[in-house]
Every structure is written in structure tokens, then in C-alpha cells.
Amino acid sequence: MRRLRHRDDAQSLDKVEFLVVDVETTGLSTTDDLILQVGAVVADSSGRIRQRFSSYVRPADGAFPWGTDQPPAHHIHGITNDDLRAGMPTRRALRRLRRLARRRILVAHNAKFDYGFLASESQRHFVELQIDSPVCTLELSRKLDPKRAESHKLVTLCERYGISLDDAHDALCDATATAQLLPILIENHGARTLGDLRRIVGGPTVA
């Protein structure tokens, strides 16, 4: 997947496309838990959506590794076993994301979580999905609040900036809201080029 490269530094963000991704999972461990849903949107720096992709993800060969009526964390994301049976196999979903990611800058809210799972699942399913230096809107927002006086959860930021988030923890809904949040954060940081964005992303994060 695409890096923020030094040779791209002068490129205007107006000329850049972003792939904004969200995943819903069985839990928090990238080693032991699995992706259940993927949502992704291709957006420009103004937040305009150019393409959407969403699918429930059917683990392995379709045999669920949990012995319950619903998948783990159902109380958070509301995903059911029936949803997953109608979903896309994990390997196929990862291949679709790989195609969408070409020549685009990758974005997520709490990128360590989403791209950690994508990296883990890509290794597990032998899909060459290189993930490097995604833009994290959570960190971009935190850097605007060095004293950490406010919450930077996606739902809170959407309320603060008037962004619609009708179905939180639906992967496509979260990805769409993150794509609309990104240009607000870019503007608040005063970023105009990929170099500006790279320096913000690469700078220190307040703990």
C-alpha cells in the first residue's frame, strides 16, 4: 500500500485521493480476533465520495470458530451469523481493498486498530497487502488538542463538527463519516500539500 513519500511532498492535497477504511471485528486482538465487516470509501480532500465498498466478511471457509448464536462483540456492532453467511470471504475482501488502495493515501480513525487487523488478516490469508504510514484522523484530532481537554472519539467529533453518523459501528457508515472529518482536520492543521500532511502525521503525538 501507498506510502507518504518524500518525492510527493510538493503535490497539492487537491490532487490526492484517499482510501478511508473501517473494520468491525470479534474483539481487540489482532492475533486472536477476526474481521467481520469492512467499509471503505474513496474520497478527495474535500470529503467528496467517489467510490464505496462494504461487505460482511465470512471467516475462513465459512465455518465460524465460535460456538455461539452470534459472533463475539455482537452487542457493539450488531453483526449476526446470518449477516456473515451472506458475506464475502476474507481473502476476497482483502483483494478488493488491495485494488482500491492503489495510488491512494490510506486513512482510518484509530488507524493502529483498523490497519493492524488488515495487516494481520492479510498475513493469515496470504494476500500481499503492505500497510505503511496510514493517516490517522484520531491522531490528527488529538494534535489539535495538546492538553487533551476534549474527547476525540469518532461519534464525539461528528457531533462537534456536524457530521452525520446515523449508524455508528457500521463499517461503511464509520468510514464515510471519517472521510468527511478528514478535510476539516486538514484545514484546521493548515495542510496544503502531501509534505504538510506527512510532517503532521510524522510529528510527535501528545500522550
N, C-alpha and C. Protein backbone atom coordinates (compact mmCIF):
# COMPACT_ATOMS: atom_id res chain seq x y z
N MET A 1 0.82 -1.18 0.00
CA MET A 1 0.00 0.00 0.00
C MET A 1 0.87 1.25 0.00
N ARG A 2 0.23 2.35 -0.34
CA ARG A 2 0.95 3.57 -0.64
C ARG A 2 1.57 4.22 0.57
N ARG A 3 2.80 4.65 0.44
CA ARG A 3 3.48 5.41 1.47
C ARG A 3 3.28 6.90 1.22
N LEU A 4 3.51 7.71 2.27
CA LEU A 4 3.67 9.14 2.08
C LEU A 4 5.15 9.36 1.74
N ARG A 5 5.48 9.48 0.48
CA ARG A 5 6.88 9.52 0.05
C ARG A 5 7.37 10.97 -0.04
N HIS A 6 8.67 11.15 0.22
CA HIS A 6 9.26 12.48 0.15
C HIS A 6 9.13 13.07 -1.24
N ARG A 7 9.23 12.25 -2.29
CA ARG A 7 9.17 12.79 -3.64
C ARG A 7 7.78 13.31 -3.99
N ASP A 8 6.77 13.01 -3.16
CA ASP A 8 5.43 13.50 -3.39
C ASP A 8 5.14 14.78 -2.60
N ASP A 9 6.12 15.27 -1.87
CA ASP A 9 5.86 16.33 -0.89
C ASP A 9 5.20 17.56 -1.48
N ALA A 10 5.54 17.93 -2.69
CA ALA A 10 5.02 19.16 -3.27
C ALA A 10 3.62 18.99 -3.85
N GLN A 11 3.10 17.77 -3.90
CA GLN A 11 1.81 17.54 -4.52
C GLN A 11 0.69 18.15 -3.69
N SER A 12 -0.17 18.92 -4.33
CA SER A 12 -1.29 19.53 -3.64
C SER A 12 -2.28 18.45 -3.19
N LEU A 13 -2.83 18.63 -1.99
CA LEU A 13 -3.82 17.68 -1.49
C LEU A 13 -5.09 17.71 -2.35
N ASP A 14 -5.29 18.77 -3.11
CA ASP A 14 -6.43 18.82 -4.03
C ASP A 14 -6.33 17.77 -5.12
N LYS A 15 -5.12 17.25 -5.35
CA LYS A 15 -4.89 16.27 -6.41
C LYS A 15 -4.82 14.84 -5.88
N VAL A 16 -5.06 14.68 -4.59
CA VAL A 16 -4.86 13.39 -3.92
C VAL A 16 -6.21 12.71 -3.68
N GLU A 17 -6.23 11.39 -3.84
CA GLU A 17 -7.38 10.59 -3.41
C GLU A 17 -7.00 9.78 -2.18
N PHE A 18 -7.94 9.62 -1.28
CA PHE A 18 -7.75 8.88 -0.04
C PHE A 18 -8.65 7.64 -0.04
N LEU A 19 -8.14 6.57 0.52
CA LEU A 19 -8.96 5.39 0.79
C LEU A 19 -9.19 5.34 2.30
N VAL A 20 -10.42 5.60 2.70
CA VAL A 20 -10.77 5.65 4.12
C VAL A 20 -11.44 4.33 4.50
N VAL A 21 -10.88 3.66 5.50
CA VAL A 21 -11.31 2.29 5.82
C VAL A 21 -11.73 2.18 7.28
N ASP A 22 -12.75 1.35 7.52
CA ASP A 22 -13.12 0.98 8.87
C ASP A 22 -13.42 -0.51 8.88
N VAL A 23 -13.07 -1.18 9.98
CA VAL A 23 -13.38 -2.60 10.12
C VAL A 23 -14.11 -2.84 11.44
N GLU A 24 -15.03 -3.81 11.42
CA GLU A 24 -15.65 -4.30 12.64
C GLU A 24 -15.13 -5.71 12.88
N THR A 25 -14.88 -6.06 14.13
CA THR A 25 -14.15 -7.29 14.44
C THR A 25 -14.80 -8.04 15.60
N THR A 26 -14.27 -9.23 15.88
CA THR A 26 -14.75 -10.02 17.01
C THR A 26 -14.17 -9.55 18.34
N GLY A 27 -13.19 -8.67 18.30
CA GLY A 27 -12.56 -8.21 19.54
C GLY A 27 -11.41 -7.28 19.23
N LEU A 28 -10.50 -7.14 20.18
CA LEU A 28 -9.43 -6.15 20.08
C LEU A 28 -8.06 -6.73 19.72
N SER A 29 -7.93 -8.04 19.73
CA SER A 29 -6.63 -8.67 19.50
C SER A 29 -6.42 -8.97 18.02
N THR A 30 -5.40 -8.37 17.42
CA THR A 30 -5.12 -8.65 16.02
C THR A 30 -4.57 -10.06 15.83
N THR A 31 -4.14 -10.70 16.91
CA THR A 31 -3.63 -12.07 16.84
C THR A 31 -4.75 -13.09 16.89
N ASP A 32 -5.72 -12.85 17.78
CA ASP A 32 -6.74 -13.87 18.04
C ASP A 32 -8.11 -13.55 17.44
N ASP A 33 -8.38 -12.28 17.16
CA ASP A 33 -9.71 -11.90 16.68
C ASP A 33 -9.73 -11.74 15.16
N LEU A 34 -10.95 -11.63 14.61
CA LEU A 34 -11.14 -11.66 13.16
C LEU A 34 -11.95 -10.46 12.69
N ILE A 35 -11.74 -10.07 11.44
CA ILE A 35 -12.55 -9.04 10.82
C ILE A 35 -13.91 -9.63 10.43
N LEU A 36 -14.98 -8.91 10.76
CA LEU A 36 -16.33 -9.34 10.42
C LEU A 36 -16.98 -8.45 9.36
N GLN A 37 -16.52 -7.22 9.22
CA GLN A 37 -17.09 -6.30 8.25
C GLN A 37 -16.04 -5.28 7.84
N VAL A 38 -16.04 -4.95 6.56
CA VAL A 38 -15.14 -3.93 6.02
C VAL A 38 -15.99 -2.86 5.34
N GLY A 39 -15.67 -1.61 5.60
CA GLY A 39 -16.26 -0.49 4.87
C GLY A 39 -15.14 0.40 4.38
N ALA A 40 -15.23 0.84 3.13
CA ALA A 40 -14.18 1.68 2.57
C ALA A 40 -14.79 2.67 1.59
N VAL A 41 -14.27 3.89 1.60
CA VAL A 41 -14.69 4.88 0.63
C VAL A 41 -13.46 5.53 0.02
N VAL A 42 -13.53 5.81 -1.27
CA VAL A 42 -12.54 6.62 -1.94
C VAL A 42 -13.04 8.05 -1.93
N ALA A 43 -12.25 8.96 -1.39
CA ALA A 43 -12.68 10.34 -1.24
C ALA A 43 -11.56 11.29 -1.62
N ASP A 44 -11.93 12.52 -1.98
CA ASP A 44 -10.91 13.53 -2.24
C ASP A 44 -10.72 14.38 -0.99
N SER A 45 -9.87 15.40 -1.08
CA SER A 45 -9.52 16.17 0.11
C SER A 45 -10.65 17.08 0.58
N SER A 46 -11.71 17.21 -0.21
CA SER A 46 -12.88 17.98 0.23
C SER A 46 -13.92 17.09 0.90
N GLY A 47 -13.66 15.77 0.95
CA GLY A 47 -14.59 14.83 1.55
C GLY A 47 -15.62 14.27 0.58
N ARG A 48 -15.50 14.62 -0.70
CA ARG A 48 -16.44 14.11 -1.69
C ARG A 48 -16.17 12.64 -1.94
N ILE A 49 -17.21 11.81 -1.84
CA ILE A 49 -17.08 10.36 -2.00
C ILE A 49 -17.16 10.01 -3.48
N ARG A 50 -16.15 9.29 -3.96
CA ARG A 50 -16.10 8.88 -5.36
C ARG A 50 -16.44 7.40 -5.55
N GLN A 51 -16.24 6.61 -4.52
CA GLN A 51 -16.48 5.17 -4.63
C GLN A 51 -16.71 4.60 -3.25
N ARG A 52 -17.56 3.57 -3.16
CA ARG A 52 -17.84 2.92 -1.88
C ARG A 52 -17.68 1.41 -2.01
N PHE A 53 -17.23 0.80 -0.93
CA PHE A 53 -17.17 -0.66 -0.85
C PHE A 53 -17.51 -1.08 0.56
N SER A 54 -18.43 -2.03 0.68
CA SER A 54 -18.79 -2.54 2.00
C SER A 54 -19.18 -4.00 1.88
N SER A 55 -18.74 -4.80 2.84
CA SER A 55 -19.14 -6.20 2.86
C SER A 55 -18.97 -6.77 4.25
N TYR A 56 -19.92 -7.64 4.63
CA TYR A 56 -19.64 -8.51 5.76
C TYR A 56 -18.58 -9.50 5.30
N VAL A 57 -17.80 -10.00 6.24
CA VAL A 57 -16.66 -10.85 5.92
C VAL A 57 -16.87 -12.23 6.53
N ARG A 58 -16.87 -13.23 5.70
CA ARG A 58 -17.08 -14.62 6.13
C ARG A 58 -15.74 -15.24 6.48
N PRO A 59 -15.50 -15.57 7.75
CA PRO A 59 -14.19 -16.09 8.16
C PRO A 59 -13.86 -17.43 7.50
N ALA A 60 -12.60 -17.58 7.16
CA ALA A 60 -12.04 -18.85 6.67
C ALA A 60 -12.92 -19.47 5.59
N ASP A 61 -13.32 -20.73 5.79
CA ASP A 61 -14.12 -21.43 4.78
C ASP A 61 -15.61 -21.31 5.07
N GLY A 62 -15.96 -20.40 5.95
CA GLY A 62 -17.37 -20.19 6.28
C GLY A 62 -17.80 -20.87 7.56
N ALA A 63 -16.94 -21.71 8.13
CA ALA A 63 -17.24 -22.34 9.42
C ALA A 63 -16.83 -21.37 10.53
N PHE A 64 -17.79 -20.97 11.36
CA PHE A 64 -17.49 -19.98 12.38
C PHE A 64 -16.70 -20.62 13.52
N PRO A 65 -15.63 -19.98 13.94
CA PRO A 65 -14.79 -20.55 15.00
C PRO A 65 -15.33 -20.30 16.40
N TRP A 66 -16.53 -19.71 16.50
CA TRP A 66 -17.15 -19.51 17.81
C TRP A 66 -18.40 -20.40 17.90
N GLY A 67 -18.69 -20.86 19.07
CA GLY A 67 -19.82 -21.77 19.24
C GLY A 67 -21.04 -21.09 19.81
N THR A 68 -21.35 -19.90 19.33
CA THR A 68 -22.48 -19.13 19.85
C THR A 68 -23.41 -18.73 18.71
N ASP A 69 -24.61 -18.30 19.05
CA ASP A 69 -25.60 -17.92 18.04
C ASP A 69 -25.21 -16.66 17.29
N GLN A 70 -24.43 -15.81 17.94
CA GLN A 70 -23.96 -14.58 17.31
C GLN A 70 -22.46 -14.45 17.51
N PRO A 71 -21.78 -13.71 16.65
CA PRO A 71 -20.33 -13.57 16.80
C PRO A 71 -19.96 -12.75 18.03
N PRO A 72 -18.74 -12.91 18.52
CA PRO A 72 -18.28 -12.08 19.63
C PRO A 72 -18.41 -10.59 19.30
N ALA A 73 -18.67 -9.79 20.32
CA ALA A 73 -18.84 -8.33 20.21
C ALA A 73 -20.11 -7.95 19.46
N HIS A 74 -21.04 -8.88 19.34
CA HIS A 74 -22.32 -8.59 18.69
C HIS A 74 -23.02 -7.41 19.36
N HIS A 75 -22.86 -7.27 20.67
CA HIS A 75 -23.52 -6.19 21.40
C HIS A 75 -23.00 -4.82 21.00
N ILE A 76 -21.83 -4.77 20.35
CA ILE A 76 -21.25 -3.50 19.91
C ILE A 76 -21.66 -3.19 18.48
N HIS A 77 -21.42 -4.14 17.57
CA HIS A 77 -21.63 -3.86 16.15
C HIS A 77 -22.95 -4.41 15.60
N GLY A 78 -23.61 -5.30 16.32
CA GLY A 78 -24.90 -5.81 15.87
C GLY A 78 -24.84 -6.81 14.73
N ILE A 79 -23.65 -7.26 14.37
CA ILE A 79 -23.49 -8.20 13.26
C ILE A 79 -23.94 -9.59 13.70
N THR A 80 -24.66 -10.29 12.83
CA THR A 80 -25.18 -11.62 13.16
C THR A 80 -24.48 -12.69 12.32
N ASN A 81 -24.64 -13.93 12.75
CA ASN A 81 -24.11 -15.04 11.96
C ASN A 81 -24.73 -15.08 10.57
N ASP A 82 -26.00 -14.75 10.47
CA ASP A 82 -26.66 -14.72 9.16
C ASP A 82 -26.05 -13.67 8.25
N ASP A 83 -25.71 -12.50 8.81
CA ASP A 83 -25.02 -11.48 8.03
C ASP A 83 -23.73 -12.04 7.44
N LEU A 84 -22.99 -12.75 8.27
CA LEU A 84 -21.69 -13.26 7.85
C LEU A 84 -21.82 -14.36 6.79
N ARG A 85 -22.85 -15.18 6.90
CA ARG A 85 -23.05 -16.23 5.91
C ARG A 85 -23.27 -15.65 4.52
N ALA A 86 -23.86 -14.46 4.46
CA ALA A 86 -24.11 -13.80 3.17
C ALA A 86 -22.93 -12.93 2.75
N GLY A 87 -21.87 -12.91 3.55
CA GLY A 87 -20.76 -12.00 3.28
C GLY A 87 -19.73 -12.56 2.32
N MET A 88 -18.70 -11.79 2.14
CA MET A 88 -17.60 -12.09 1.23
C MET A 88 -16.49 -12.83 1.99
N PRO A 89 -15.88 -13.85 1.41
CA PRO A 89 -14.74 -14.49 2.09
C PRO A 89 -13.64 -13.47 2.39
N THR A 90 -12.95 -13.66 3.48
CA THR A 90 -11.94 -12.69 3.92
C THR A 90 -10.92 -12.41 2.83
N ARG A 91 -10.42 -13.46 2.18
CA ARG A 91 -9.38 -13.27 1.17
C ARG A 91 -9.88 -12.40 0.01
N ARG A 92 -11.12 -12.63 -0.40
CA ARG A 92 -11.68 -11.83 -1.49
C ARG A 92 -11.84 -10.36 -1.09
N ALA A 93 -12.28 -10.13 0.16
CA ALA A 93 -12.43 -8.75 0.64
C ALA A 93 -11.08 -8.04 0.68
N LEU A 94 -10.05 -8.74 1.11
CA LEU A 94 -8.72 -8.14 1.16
C LEU A 94 -8.20 -7.81 -0.24
N ARG A 95 -8.47 -8.68 -1.19
CA ARG A 95 -8.06 -8.41 -2.56
C ARG A 95 -8.77 -7.20 -3.12
N ARG A 96 -10.04 -7.05 -2.77
CA ARG A 96 -10.79 -5.86 -3.22
C ARG A 96 -10.17 -4.59 -2.64
N LEU A 97 -9.82 -4.63 -1.36
CA LEU A 97 -9.18 -3.48 -0.74
C LEU A 97 -7.83 -3.18 -1.38
N ARG A 98 -7.10 -4.22 -1.73
CA ARG A 98 -5.80 -4.01 -2.36
C ARG A 98 -5.95 -3.24 -3.68
N ARG A 99 -6.97 -3.57 -4.45
CA ARG A 99 -7.20 -2.84 -5.70
C ARG A 99 -7.58 -1.39 -5.43
N LEU A 100 -8.43 -1.18 -4.44
CA LEU A 100 -8.86 0.18 -4.13
C LEU A 100 -7.72 1.04 -3.60
N ALA A 101 -6.75 0.41 -2.95
CA ALA A 101 -5.68 1.16 -2.30
C ALA A 101 -4.61 1.68 -3.26
N ARG A 102 -4.59 1.20 -4.47
CA ARG A 102 -3.53 1.60 -5.41
C ARG A 102 -3.56 3.10 -5.67
N ARG A 103 -2.40 3.73 -5.48
CA ARG A 103 -2.19 5.14 -5.76
C ARG A 103 -3.05 6.04 -4.87
N ARG A 104 -3.43 5.54 -3.72
CA ARG A 104 -4.23 6.33 -2.80
C ARG A 104 -3.60 6.36 -1.41
N ILE A 105 -3.88 7.43 -0.67
CA ILE A 105 -3.40 7.57 0.69
C ILE A 105 -4.42 6.94 1.63
N LEU A 106 -3.95 6.12 2.54
CA LEU A 106 -4.84 5.35 3.41
C LEU A 106 -5.15 6.11 4.69
N VAL A 107 -6.42 6.05 5.10
CA VAL A 107 -6.90 6.81 6.26
C VAL A 107 -7.80 5.92 7.10
N ALA A 108 -7.74 6.10 8.42
CA ALA A 108 -8.69 5.47 9.34
C ALA A 108 -8.74 6.28 10.61
N HIS A 109 -9.84 6.14 11.35
CA HIS A 109 -9.93 6.74 12.68
C HIS A 109 -9.48 5.69 13.67
N ASN A 110 -8.34 5.94 14.31
CA ASN A 110 -7.61 4.94 15.09
C ASN A 110 -7.01 3.90 14.15
N ALA A 111 -6.12 4.38 13.30
CA ALA A 111 -5.53 3.55 12.24
C ALA A 111 -4.76 2.36 12.81
N LYS A 112 -4.21 2.50 14.00
CA LYS A 112 -3.49 1.37 14.60
C LYS A 112 -4.39 0.15 14.71
N PHE A 113 -5.65 0.36 15.03
CA PHE A 113 -6.61 -0.73 15.16
C PHE A 113 -6.98 -1.29 13.79
N ASP A 114 -7.51 -0.44 12.90
CA ASP A 114 -8.01 -0.92 11.62
C ASP A 114 -6.92 -1.54 10.76
N TYR A 115 -5.81 -0.84 10.62
CA TYR A 115 -4.76 -1.36 9.76
C TYR A 115 -3.96 -2.46 10.43
N GLY A 116 -4.00 -2.50 11.76
CA GLY A 116 -3.42 -3.65 12.45
C GLY A 116 -4.16 -4.93 12.09
N PHE A 117 -5.49 -4.85 12.06
CA PHE A 117 -6.28 -6.02 11.68
C PHE A 117 -6.09 -6.36 10.20
N LEU A 118 -6.03 -5.37 9.34
CA LEU A 118 -5.83 -5.65 7.91
C LEU A 118 -4.48 -6.31 7.68
N ALA A 119 -3.46 -5.85 8.39
CA ALA A 119 -2.14 -6.46 8.25
C ALA A 119 -2.15 -7.90 8.73
N SER A 120 -2.78 -8.13 9.88
CA SER A 120 -2.83 -9.48 10.45
C SER A 120 -3.60 -10.43 9.54
N GLU A 121 -4.77 -9.99 9.06
CA GLU A 121 -5.59 -10.85 8.20
C GLU A 121 -4.91 -11.09 6.85
N SER A 122 -4.21 -10.10 6.34
CA SER A 122 -3.54 -10.29 5.05
C SER A 122 -2.44 -11.34 5.16
N GLN A 123 -1.75 -11.38 6.29
CA GLN A 123 -0.74 -12.41 6.51
C GLN A 123 -1.40 -13.78 6.67
N ARG A 124 -2.50 -13.80 7.37
CA ARG A 124 -3.20 -15.07 7.65
C ARG A 124 -3.76 -15.69 6.37
N HIS A 125 -4.14 -14.84 5.43
CA HIS A 125 -4.79 -15.32 4.21
C HIS A 125 -3.89 -15.20 2.97
N PHE A 126 -2.60 -14.90 3.19
CA PHE A 126 -1.61 -14.89 2.11
C PHE A 126 -1.99 -13.92 0.99
N VAL A 127 -2.46 -12.74 1.41
CA VAL A 127 -2.74 -11.66 0.47
C VAL A 127 -1.68 -10.59 0.69
N GLU A 128 -0.97 -10.23 -0.35
CA GLU A 128 0.10 -9.24 -0.22
C GLU A 128 -0.52 -7.86 -0.10
N LEU A 129 -0.68 -7.42 1.11
CA LEU A 129 -1.32 -6.15 1.41
C LEU A 129 -0.39 -5.36 2.32
N GLN A 130 0.52 -4.63 1.72
CA GLN A 130 1.51 -3.89 2.50
C GLN A 130 0.87 -2.63 3.06
N ILE A 131 1.00 -2.45 4.36
CA ILE A 131 0.39 -1.32 5.04
C ILE A 131 1.48 -0.50 5.70
N ASP A 132 1.56 0.77 5.32
CA ASP A 132 2.64 1.60 5.85
C ASP A 132 2.15 3.05 5.95
N SER A 133 2.33 3.64 7.10
CA SER A 133 2.07 5.06 7.33
C SER A 133 0.68 5.52 6.95
N PRO A 134 -0.37 4.85 7.43
CA PRO A 134 -1.71 5.38 7.18
C PRO A 134 -1.92 6.69 7.94
N VAL A 135 -2.80 7.53 7.44
CA VAL A 135 -3.16 8.77 8.12
C VAL A 135 -4.25 8.44 9.13
N CYS A 136 -4.03 8.84 10.37
CA CYS A 136 -4.96 8.53 11.45
C CYS A 136 -5.69 9.81 11.85
N THR A 137 -7.00 9.87 11.61
CA THR A 137 -7.76 11.06 11.98
C THR A 137 -7.87 11.23 13.49
N LEU A 138 -7.80 10.13 14.24
CA LEU A 138 -7.77 10.24 15.69
C LEU A 138 -6.56 11.03 16.15
N GLU A 139 -5.39 10.69 15.60
CA GLU A 139 -4.16 11.40 15.98
C GLU A 139 -4.16 12.83 15.45
N LEU A 140 -4.68 13.03 14.25
CA LEU A 140 -4.76 14.40 13.72
C LEU A 140 -5.60 15.28 14.64
N SER A 141 -6.71 14.73 15.13
CA SER A 141 -7.57 15.49 16.04
C SER A 141 -6.89 15.73 17.38
N ARG A 142 -6.23 14.73 17.90
CA ARG A 142 -5.55 14.89 19.19
C ARG A 142 -4.45 15.95 19.13
N LYS A 143 -3.79 16.06 17.99
CA LYS A 143 -2.72 17.04 17.87
C LYS A 143 -3.24 18.48 17.83
N LEU A 144 -4.52 18.64 17.58
CA LEU A 144 -5.14 19.96 17.67
C LEU A 144 -5.54 20.29 19.11
N ASP A 145 -5.40 19.35 19.99
CA ASP A 145 -5.82 19.48 21.39
C ASP A 145 -4.68 19.00 22.29
N PRO A 146 -3.57 19.73 22.32
CA PRO A 146 -2.37 19.24 23.03
C PRO A 146 -2.58 18.99 24.52
N LYS A 147 -3.53 19.65 25.12
CA LYS A 147 -3.79 19.41 26.55
C LYS A 147 -4.79 18.29 26.77
N ARG A 148 -5.26 17.68 25.65
CA ARG A 148 -6.23 16.60 25.68
C ARG A 148 -7.42 16.96 26.55
N ALA A 149 -8.00 18.11 26.28
CA ALA A 149 -9.12 18.60 27.08
C ALA A 149 -10.45 18.06 26.59
N GLU A 150 -10.48 17.50 25.38
CA GLU A 150 -11.73 17.06 24.79
C GLU A 150 -11.64 15.60 24.35
N SER A 151 -12.80 14.98 24.15
CA SER A 151 -12.85 13.62 23.60
C SER A 151 -12.60 13.66 22.10
N HIS A 152 -11.94 12.63 21.60
CA HIS A 152 -11.65 12.55 20.18
C HIS A 152 -12.21 11.26 19.57
N LYS A 153 -13.22 10.69 20.23
CA LYS A 153 -13.93 9.55 19.64
C LYS A 153 -14.64 10.02 18.37
N LEU A 154 -14.83 9.10 17.44
CA LEU A 154 -15.44 9.47 16.17
C LEU A 154 -16.83 10.05 16.38
N VAL A 155 -17.64 9.42 17.23
CA VAL A 155 -19.01 9.90 17.43
C VAL A 155 -19.00 11.31 18.02
N THR A 156 -18.05 11.59 18.91
CA THR A 156 -17.96 12.92 19.52
C THR A 156 -17.53 13.96 18.50
N LEU A 157 -16.55 13.62 17.67
CA LEU A 157 -16.08 14.55 16.65
C LEU A 157 -17.18 14.83 15.63
N CYS A 158 -17.97 13.82 15.30
CA CYS A 158 -19.07 14.03 14.35
C CYS A 158 -20.09 15.00 14.94
N GLU A 159 -20.40 14.86 16.21
CA GLU A 159 -21.31 15.80 16.86
C GLU A 159 -20.71 17.20 16.86
N ARG A 160 -19.42 17.30 17.13
CA ARG A 160 -18.75 18.61 17.24
C ARG A 160 -18.75 19.34 15.90
N TYR A 161 -18.55 18.60 14.82
CA TYR A 161 -18.40 19.23 13.52
C TYR A 161 -19.64 19.10 12.63
N GLY A 162 -20.73 18.58 13.17
CA GLY A 162 -21.96 18.50 12.41
C GLY A 162 -21.94 17.47 11.30
N ILE A 163 -21.26 16.35 11.53
CA ILE A 163 -21.16 15.27 10.54
C ILE A 163 -22.18 14.19 10.89
N SER A 164 -22.89 13.71 9.89
CA SER A 164 -23.89 12.67 10.11
C SER A 164 -23.22 11.33 10.41
N LEU A 165 -23.67 10.70 11.49
CA LEU A 165 -23.21 9.35 11.84
C LEU A 165 -24.42 8.59 12.36
N ASP A 166 -25.25 8.15 11.43
CA ASP A 166 -26.55 7.57 11.78
C ASP A 166 -26.45 6.16 12.34
N ASP A 167 -25.40 5.45 11.99
CA ASP A 167 -25.30 4.03 12.36
C ASP A 167 -23.87 3.73 12.79
N ALA A 168 -23.48 4.27 13.94
CA ALA A 168 -22.12 4.04 14.45
C ALA A 168 -21.85 2.56 14.60
N HIS A 169 -20.63 2.16 14.30
CA HIS A 169 -20.16 0.78 14.33
C HIS A 169 -20.66 -0.04 13.14
N ASP A 170 -21.28 0.62 12.16
CA ASP A 170 -21.39 0.02 10.84
C ASP A 170 -20.16 0.50 10.07
N ALA A 171 -19.41 -0.44 9.47
CA ALA A 171 -18.11 -0.09 8.91
C ALA A 171 -18.20 0.97 7.83
N LEU A 172 -19.17 0.87 6.93
CA LEU A 172 -19.27 1.85 5.86
C LEU A 172 -19.70 3.21 6.40
N CYS A 173 -20.61 3.22 7.35
CA CYS A 173 -21.03 4.47 7.96
C CYS A 173 -19.86 5.17 8.65
N ASP A 174 -19.08 4.41 9.40
CA ASP A 174 -17.92 4.99 10.09
C ASP A 174 -16.88 5.49 9.10
N ALA A 175 -16.64 4.72 8.03
CA ALA A 175 -15.66 5.15 7.02
C ALA A 175 -16.12 6.42 6.32
N THR A 176 -17.41 6.51 6.02
CA THR A 176 -17.94 7.70 5.36
C THR A 176 -17.82 8.92 6.26
N ALA A 177 -18.13 8.77 7.53
CA ALA A 177 -18.01 9.88 8.47
C ALA A 177 -16.55 10.31 8.62
N THR A 178 -15.64 9.34 8.65
CA THR A 178 -14.21 9.66 8.75
C THR A 178 -13.74 10.42 7.52
N ALA A 179 -14.25 10.04 6.35
CA ALA A 179 -13.88 10.75 5.12
C ALA A 179 -14.36 12.19 5.16
N GLN A 180 -15.49 12.46 5.80
CA GLN A 180 -15.99 13.82 5.92
C GLN A 180 -15.27 14.59 7.01
N LEU A 181 -14.75 13.88 8.00
CA LEU A 181 -13.96 14.51 9.06
C LEU A 181 -12.58 14.92 8.57
N LEU A 182 -11.99 14.13 7.71
CA LEU A 182 -10.61 14.36 7.28
C LEU A 182 -10.37 15.77 6.75
N PRO A 183 -11.18 16.31 5.81
CA PRO A 183 -10.89 17.65 5.29
C PRO A 183 -11.00 18.74 6.35
N ILE A 184 -11.85 18.53 7.37
CA ILE A 184 -11.94 19.50 8.46
C ILE A 184 -10.63 19.53 9.23
N LEU A 185 -10.08 18.36 9.51
CA LEU A 185 -8.82 18.29 10.25
C LEU A 185 -7.66 18.82 9.42
N ILE A 186 -7.66 18.50 8.13
CA ILE A 186 -6.62 19.02 7.24
C ILE A 186 -6.65 20.55 7.25
N GLU A 187 -7.84 21.11 7.14
CA GLU A 187 -7.98 22.57 7.13
C GLU A 187 -7.55 23.17 8.47
N ASN A 188 -7.93 22.54 9.57
CA ASN A 188 -7.57 23.06 10.89
C ASN A 188 -6.07 23.00 11.14
N HIS A 189 -5.39 22.06 10.51
CA HIS A 189 -3.94 21.99 10.61
C HIS A 189 -3.25 22.91 9.60
N GLY A 190 -4.00 23.44 8.64
CA GLY A 190 -3.41 24.30 7.62
C GLY A 190 -2.59 23.55 6.59
N ALA A 191 -2.84 22.25 6.42
CA ALA A 191 -2.08 21.45 5.46
C ALA A 191 -2.56 21.75 4.04
N ARG A 192 -1.61 21.89 3.12
CA ARG A 192 -1.95 22.16 1.73
C ARG A 192 -1.34 21.14 0.77
N THR A 193 -0.26 20.50 1.19
CA THR A 193 0.44 19.55 0.33
C THR A 193 0.64 18.23 1.06
N LEU A 194 1.04 17.21 0.31
CA LEU A 194 1.37 15.93 0.94
C LEU A 194 2.51 16.08 1.93
N GLY A 195 3.44 16.97 1.63
CA GLY A 195 4.53 17.22 2.56
C GLY A 195 4.03 17.75 3.89
N ASP A 196 3.08 18.69 3.82
CA ASP A 196 2.47 19.21 5.05
C ASP A 196 1.84 18.07 5.85
N LEU A 197 1.07 17.25 5.17
CA LEU A 197 0.37 16.16 5.85
C LEU A 197 1.36 15.16 6.43
N ARG A 198 2.41 14.86 5.67
CA ARG A 198 3.42 13.92 6.15
C ARG A 198 4.07 14.43 7.43
N ARG A 199 4.38 15.73 7.47
CA ARG A 199 5.02 16.28 8.65
C ARG A 199 4.08 16.25 9.86
N ILE A 200 2.80 16.49 9.64
CA ILE A 200 1.84 16.44 10.74
C ILE A 200 1.70 15.01 11.25
N VAL A 201 1.52 14.08 10.32
CA VAL A 201 1.36 12.67 10.69
C VAL A 201 2.61 12.14 11.38
N GLY A 202 3.78 12.57 10.90
CA GLY A 202 5.03 12.05 11.45
C GLY A 202 5.50 12.75 12.70
N GLY A 203 4.84 13.85 13.06
CA GLY A 203 5.28 14.60 14.22
C GLY A 203 4.89 13.92 15.51
N PRO A 204 5.39 14.44 16.64
CA PRO A 204 5.10 13.83 17.94
C PRO A 204 3.63 13.94 18.29
N THR A 205 3.13 12.92 18.96
CA THR A 205 1.76 12.88 19.43
C THR A 205 1.75 13.09 20.94
N VAL A 206 0.89 13.97 21.40
CA VAL A 206 0.79 14.21 22.83
C VAL A 206 0.15 13.00 23.51
N ALA A 207 0.77 12.50 24.56
CA ALA A 207 0.24 11.31 25.24
C ALA A 207 -0.95 11.68 26.10
